[in-house]
Protein backbone atom coordinates (compact mmCIF):
# COMPACT_ATOMS: atom_id res chain seq x y z
CA UNK A 1 79.32 -33.38 63.50
CA UNK A 2 82.76 -34.99 63.84
CA UNK A 3 84.20 -32.11 65.88
CA UNK A 4 83.98 -32.12 69.66
CA UNK A 5 81.99 -29.28 71.15
CA UNK A 6 84.06 -26.80 73.06
CA UNK A 7 82.76 -25.73 76.44
CA UNK A 8 81.02 -22.51 76.53
CA UNK A 9 82.38 -20.04 79.06
CA UNK A 10 83.58 -16.52 79.72
CA UNK A 11 87.19 -15.60 79.19
CA UNK A 12 88.38 -12.38 80.89
CA UNK A 13 91.78 -10.91 80.28
CA UNK A 14 93.08 -9.06 83.35
CA UNK A 15 96.50 -7.42 83.20
CA UNK A 16 97.42 -9.58 80.20
CA UNK A 17 96.42 -12.89 81.84
CA UNK A 18 93.43 -14.78 80.56
CA UNK A 19 91.04 -16.36 83.00
CA UNK A 20 88.18 -18.64 81.99
CA UNK A 21 85.04 -18.88 84.00
CA UNK A 22 82.93 -21.95 82.98
CA UNK A 23 79.33 -22.83 83.72
CA UNK A 24 79.11 -25.58 86.40
CA UNK A 25 76.21 -27.34 84.72
CA UNK A 26 78.05 -27.52 81.49
CA UNK A 27 81.10 -29.07 83.16
CA UNK A 28 79.10 -32.11 84.31
CA UNK A 29 78.08 -33.03 80.83
CA UNK A 30 81.40 -32.12 79.15
CA UNK A 31 82.24 -35.60 78.08
CA UNK A 32 78.74 -36.36 76.85
CA UNK A 33 78.75 -33.26 74.84
CA UNK A 34 81.89 -34.29 73.01
CA UNK A 35 79.79 -36.54 70.90
CA UNK A 36 77.64 -33.77 69.69
CA UNK A 37 78.48 -31.71 66.77
CA UNK A 38 81.23 -29.28 67.35
CA UNK A 39 79.69 -25.84 68.03
CA UNK A 40 81.52 -22.69 67.08
CA UNK A 41 83.28 -20.91 69.93
CA UNK A 42 80.98 -18.21 71.15
CA UNK A 43 83.23 -16.96 73.97
CA UNK A 44 84.49 -13.37 74.05
CA UNK A 45 87.11 -11.49 75.94
CA UNK A 46 86.72 -8.49 78.28
CA UNK A 47 89.78 -6.39 78.27
CA UNK A 48 90.03 -4.02 81.22
CA UNK A 49 92.32 -1.05 80.89
CA UNK A 50 95.66 -1.31 82.57
CA UNK A 51 96.46 0.89 85.51
CA UNK A 52 98.43 3.66 83.89
CA UNK A 53 98.64 7.40 84.27
CA UNK A 54 98.12 8.09 80.59
CA UNK A 55 94.33 8.28 80.70
CA UNK A 56 93.92 9.65 84.19
CA UNK A 57 92.04 12.94 84.52
CA UNK A 58 93.63 15.26 87.01
CA UNK A 59 91.43 17.96 88.49
CA UNK A 60 93.41 21.10 89.29
CA UNK A 61 91.65 23.55 91.58
CA UNK A 62 91.24 27.00 90.10
CA UNK A 63 93.18 29.80 91.90
CA UNK A 64 91.11 31.97 94.23
CA UNK A 65 89.90 35.25 92.77
CA UNK A 66 91.86 38.27 93.87
CA UNK A 67 89.85 40.90 95.58
CA UNK A 68 90.38 44.46 94.48
CA UNK A 69 91.70 46.67 97.28
CA UNK A 70 89.09 48.93 98.72
CA UNK A 71 89.66 52.61 98.36
CA UNK A 72 89.09 54.76 101.35
CA UNK A 73 85.64 56.21 101.18
CA UNK A 74 83.82 58.24 103.72
CA UNK A 75 81.44 55.51 104.81
CA UNK A 76 80.25 54.94 101.25
CA UNK A 77 81.48 51.38 100.57
CA UNK A 78 77.96 49.98 100.82
CA UNK A 79 76.30 52.51 98.55
CA UNK A 80 74.72 51.15 95.40
CA UNK A 81 73.41 52.71 92.22
CA UNK A 82 69.73 52.43 91.18
CA UNK A 83 70.50 49.35 89.03
CA UNK A 84 71.93 47.58 92.11
CA UNK A 85 75.56 48.06 91.05
CA UNK A 86 78.02 49.29 93.70
CA UNK A 87 79.25 52.86 93.28
CA UNK A 88 82.97 53.02 92.74
CA UNK A 89 84.79 54.39 95.73
CA UNK A 90 87.18 56.50 93.72
CA UNK A 91 84.27 58.49 92.28
CA UNK A 92 83.23 59.40 95.82
CA UNK A 93 86.81 60.40 96.59
CA UNK A 94 86.93 62.61 93.49
CA UNK A 95 83.69 64.32 94.45
CA UNK A 96 84.97 64.96 97.96
CA UNK A 97 88.24 66.34 96.61
CA UNK A 98 86.38 68.73 94.30
CA UNK A 99 84.11 69.87 97.12
CA UNK A 100 86.87 70.53 99.64
CA UNK A 101 89.07 72.09 96.94
CA UNK A 102 86.29 74.54 96.11
CA UNK A 103 85.85 75.45 99.77
CA UNK A 104 89.57 76.07 100.24
CA UNK A 105 89.71 78.11 97.03
CA UNK A 106 86.81 80.27 98.17
CA UNK A 107 88.47 80.86 101.54
CA UNK A 108 91.74 81.81 99.83
CA UNK A 109 89.99 84.26 97.49
CA UNK A 110 88.13 85.89 100.37
CA UNK A 111 91.33 86.11 102.40
CA UNK A 112 93.27 87.73 99.55
CA UNK A 113 90.40 90.14 98.82
CA UNK A 114 90.18 91.09 102.46
CA UNK A 115 93.93 91.67 102.66
CA UNK A 116 93.88 93.88 99.55
CA UNK A 117 91.01 95.92 100.92
CA UNK A 118 92.82 96.37 104.24
CA UNK A 119 96.09 97.54 102.64
CA UNK A 120 95.75 101.27 102.30
CA UNK A 121 97.83 104.32 103.09
CA UNK A 122 96.99 107.85 103.90
CA UNK A 123 98.11 108.86 100.44
CA UNK A 124 95.94 106.41 98.54
CA UNK A 125 92.65 106.17 100.39
CA UNK A 126 90.96 109.10 102.07
CA UNK A 127 87.23 108.94 102.78
CA UNK A 128 84.97 111.51 101.24
CA UNK A 129 83.60 113.83 103.83
CA UNK A 130 86.86 113.83 105.75
CA UNK A 131 87.06 117.53 104.94
CA UNK A 132 83.85 118.20 106.82
CA UNK A 133 84.88 116.07 109.79
CA UNK A 134 88.43 117.41 110.02
CA UNK A 135 87.77 121.06 109.30
CA UNK A 136 88.73 123.26 112.21
CA UNK A 137 89.76 120.14 114.13
CA UNK A 138 92.79 121.99 115.49
CA UNK A 139 90.61 124.58 117.21
CA UNK A 140 88.36 121.89 118.71
CA UNK A 141 91.15 119.81 120.24
CA UNK A 142 90.98 119.78 124.05
CA UNK A 143 93.59 121.69 126.01
CA UNK A 144 96.61 123.00 124.15
CA UNK A 145 96.99 120.13 121.69
CA UNK A 146 97.05 121.32 118.10
CA UNK A 147 96.01 118.89 115.36
CA UNK A 148 97.60 119.77 112.02
CA UNK A 149 97.39 118.34 108.48
CA UNK A 150 100.73 118.80 106.77
CA UNK A 151 102.47 118.14 103.49
CA UNK A 152 105.64 116.17 104.18
CA UNK A 153 108.73 116.42 101.99
CA UNK A 154 110.71 113.62 103.65
CA UNK A 155 111.93 112.13 106.91
CA UNK A 156 115.62 111.81 107.78
CA UNK A 157 117.79 110.29 110.46
CA UNK A 158 120.10 113.32 110.67
CA UNK A 159 119.57 117.08 110.55
CA UNK A 160 122.33 117.53 107.95
CA UNK A 161 120.57 115.23 105.50
CA UNK A 162 117.31 117.10 106.07
CA UNK A 163 118.96 120.46 105.44
CA UNK A 164 120.43 119.30 102.13
CA UNK A 165 116.96 118.43 100.83
CA UNK A 166 115.49 121.59 102.37
CA UNK A 167 117.92 123.72 100.38
CA UNK A 168 116.98 122.02 97.10
CA UNK A 169 113.27 122.48 97.76
CA UNK A 170 113.57 126.14 98.71
CA UNK A 171 115.47 126.79 95.49
CA UNK A 172 112.21 125.86 93.73
CA UNK A 173 110.41 128.63 95.67
CA UNK A 174 108.57 126.09 97.84
CA UNK A 175 108.59 126.66 101.62
CA UNK A 176 110.25 123.97 103.76
CA UNK A 177 110.85 123.74 107.51
CA UNK A 178 112.61 121.05 109.54
CA UNK A 179 110.84 119.57 112.58
CA UNK A 180 112.42 117.16 115.02
CA UNK A 181 109.89 114.56 116.14
CA UNK A 182 111.32 111.96 118.51
CA UNK A 183 114.57 110.71 116.89
CA UNK A 184 113.82 111.73 113.29
CA UNK A 185 113.89 114.96 111.30
CA UNK A 186 110.81 115.75 109.22
CA UNK A 187 110.64 118.21 106.38
CA UNK A 188 107.21 119.91 106.09
CA UNK A 189 106.23 122.02 103.08
CA UNK A 190 102.77 123.33 103.92
CA UNK A 191 99.61 122.98 105.98
CA UNK A 192 95.89 122.66 105.28
CA UNK A 193 92.58 122.40 107.10
CA UNK A 194 92.04 118.64 106.74
CA UNK A 195 93.75 115.45 105.67
CA UNK A 196 91.93 115.51 102.33
CA UNK A 197 92.97 119.13 101.80
CA UNK A 198 96.60 118.28 102.66
CA UNK A 199 96.53 115.59 99.98
CA UNK A 200 95.26 118.07 97.40
CA UNK A 201 97.90 120.58 98.47
CA UNK A 202 100.59 117.89 98.18
CA UNK A 203 99.51 117.12 94.63
CA UNK A 204 99.72 120.82 93.81
CA UNK A 205 103.25 121.09 95.25
CA UNK A 206 104.29 117.99 93.34
CA UNK A 207 104.03 120.06 90.16
CA UNK A 208 107.16 121.84 91.46
CA UNK A 209 109.05 118.57 91.13
CA UNK A 210 109.28 117.71 94.82
CA UNK A 211 108.55 114.47 96.64
CA UNK A 212 105.44 114.86 98.74
CA UNK A 213 103.40 112.95 101.32
CA UNK A 214 100.56 114.04 103.59
CA UNK A 215 99.91 113.22 107.20
CA UNK A 216 98.33 114.31 110.44
CA UNK A 217 100.56 115.56 113.25
CA UNK A 218 99.58 116.60 116.77
CA UNK A 219 101.67 119.31 118.44
CA UNK A 220 101.53 119.92 122.17
CA UNK A 221 102.17 123.18 123.99
CA UNK A 222 101.86 124.15 127.63
CA UNK A 223 100.97 127.46 129.18
CA UNK A 224 102.18 128.57 132.56
CA UNK A 225 98.90 130.25 133.52
CA UNK A 226 95.21 130.18 132.77
CA UNK A 227 95.61 133.34 130.68
CA UNK A 228 98.27 131.71 128.53
CA UNK A 229 96.09 128.64 128.07
CA UNK A 230 93.34 130.90 126.80
CA UNK A 231 95.77 132.66 124.46
CA UNK A 232 96.98 129.36 123.05
CA UNK A 233 93.37 128.32 122.34
CA UNK A 234 92.77 131.55 120.42
CA UNK A 235 96.00 131.09 118.45
CA UNK A 236 94.91 127.59 117.45
CA UNK A 237 91.70 129.00 115.96
CA UNK A 238 93.59 131.71 114.04
CA UNK A 239 96.14 129.22 112.71
CA UNK A 240 93.39 126.87 111.47
CA UNK A 241 91.61 129.69 109.61
CA UNK A 242 94.79 130.99 107.97
CA UNK A 243 95.87 127.46 106.95
CA UNK A 244 92.50 126.90 105.29
CA UNK A 245 92.53 130.23 103.42
CA UNK A 246 96.08 129.88 102.06
CA UNK A 247 95.69 126.18 101.15
CA UNK A 248 92.33 126.61 99.37
CA UNK A 249 93.61 129.56 97.33
CA UNK A 250 96.71 127.61 96.27
CA UNK A 251 94.41 124.80 95.13
CA UNK A 252 92.08 127.24 93.36
CA UNK A 253 89.15 126.65 95.69
CA UNK A 254 87.01 128.73 97.99
CA UNK A 255 87.28 128.45 101.75
CA UNK A 256 84.58 128.71 104.41
CA UNK A 257 86.41 130.89 106.94
CA UNK A 258 84.43 133.64 108.61
CA UNK A 259 86.53 136.74 107.96
CA UNK A 260 84.99 138.77 110.77
CA UNK A 261 85.73 136.12 113.39
CA UNK A 262 89.29 135.83 112.13
CA UNK A 263 89.86 139.60 112.29
CA UNK A 264 88.41 139.75 115.81
CA UNK A 265 90.73 137.04 117.09
CA UNK A 266 93.76 138.69 115.47
CA UNK A 267 92.91 142.03 117.06
CA UNK A 268 92.50 140.45 120.49
CA UNK A 269 95.87 138.76 120.22
CA UNK A 270 97.51 141.97 119.09
CA UNK A 271 96.03 144.04 121.95
CA UNK A 272 96.84 141.52 124.68
CA UNK A 273 99.81 141.41 126.98
CA UNK A 274 101.92 138.54 125.65
CA UNK A 275 105.12 137.01 126.86
CA UNK A 276 108.09 137.00 124.42
CA UNK A 277 107.49 133.39 123.32
CA UNK A 278 103.81 134.08 122.71
CA UNK A 279 104.65 137.33 120.93
CA UNK A 280 106.82 135.42 118.45
CA UNK A 281 103.96 133.05 117.60
CA UNK A 282 101.58 136.00 117.27
CA UNK A 283 104.04 137.66 114.85
CA UNK A 284 104.01 134.51 112.70
CA UNK A 285 100.20 134.54 112.52
CA UNK A 286 100.12 138.25 111.75
CA UNK A 287 102.68 137.80 108.93
CA UNK A 288 100.60 134.98 107.42
CA UNK A 289 97.44 137.10 107.49
CA UNK A 290 99.30 140.01 105.87
CA UNK A 291 100.62 137.81 103.03
CA UNK A 292 97.08 136.55 102.34
CA UNK A 293 95.76 140.10 102.17
CA UNK A 294 98.53 141.05 99.74
CA UNK A 295 97.57 138.10 97.57
CA UNK A 296 94.00 139.40 97.38
CA UNK A 297 95.21 142.56 95.67
CA UNK A 298 98.12 141.20 93.62
CA UNK A 299 97.04 137.57 92.95
CA UNK A 300 100.71 136.75 93.25
CA UNK A 301 101.03 133.08 94.17
CA UNK A 302 104.30 133.78 95.92
CA UNK A 303 102.37 135.58 98.66
CA UNK A 304 100.47 132.40 99.45
CA UNK A 305 103.77 130.51 99.75
CA UNK A 306 104.95 133.23 102.15
CA UNK A 307 101.80 132.72 104.20
CA UNK A 308 102.45 128.98 104.32
CA UNK A 309 106.02 129.59 105.40
CA UNK A 310 104.84 131.86 108.25
CA UNK A 311 102.39 129.17 109.40
CA UNK A 312 105.21 126.57 109.48
CA UNK A 313 107.26 129.00 111.61
CA UNK A 314 104.29 129.29 113.95
CA UNK A 315 104.20 125.50 114.34
CA UNK A 316 107.92 125.43 115.13
CA UNK A 317 107.47 127.98 117.92
CA UNK A 318 104.32 126.27 119.14
CA UNK A 319 106.23 122.99 119.41
CA UNK A 320 108.96 124.66 121.46
CA UNK A 321 106.62 125.97 124.15
């Protein structure tokens, strides 16, 4: 009880300095309380943290999310799948690429197929039934135009070049005549009744190791009178019949020529009054008919070649009228 009682209060330490806050009521009786027994010091200190940057929490804003670039779609950016997930634009682009690629491929295939079907030559594609349509076409041509179906042995820019090949072909016992058409020289080896028949004849002549083609040629002649026009028309009919007979026999086939009509036309031409140029053509037709008749008795193929040669001579004279 001999110790003086310390004043009760609150001590606060701020920035290392201690400050005491005492109770006012206790201060009035401080001296009186000194007589009382000394009480233990019940004060305590509040220590506030100093202002330092060590314990500060710094909030750093998170970077904004990068948006993925949108692929170009065809108005499909808002489409969603059944589970509410957006459809990826590149899938739409792939589907469109496949679709348009298929369309372009189909167009290309059709174009190529069409082009292949259109590429054809006289020597590679001849319709069936052309024989029926073309048969006796020369006789049915209006006026004095003569439609012929010939086997061609070549075309040349000069007559000398044509004659060199003509000589080689004739050495193989194949007839060959040179025709000048416009600015070129054509070498013809035979004639037939239709384009199909001329192809078959060309294939037969190819066995003689000659280059062959087949084509249609129109020859034009002109008469000076109505009588000559009539004579030319009759000659066209005789030529067509003789070409069919000789060509079919060379190919080992049967023709459809009416023998009586042919003989009648030949007799009328022989008994008529013909000018020298018409007489020459009539001689060519008569020689061809004679060679065919000789073949009937001898079956000598050479006679048919002679008939073909006479028919080519007829065409040369017909062209010159």
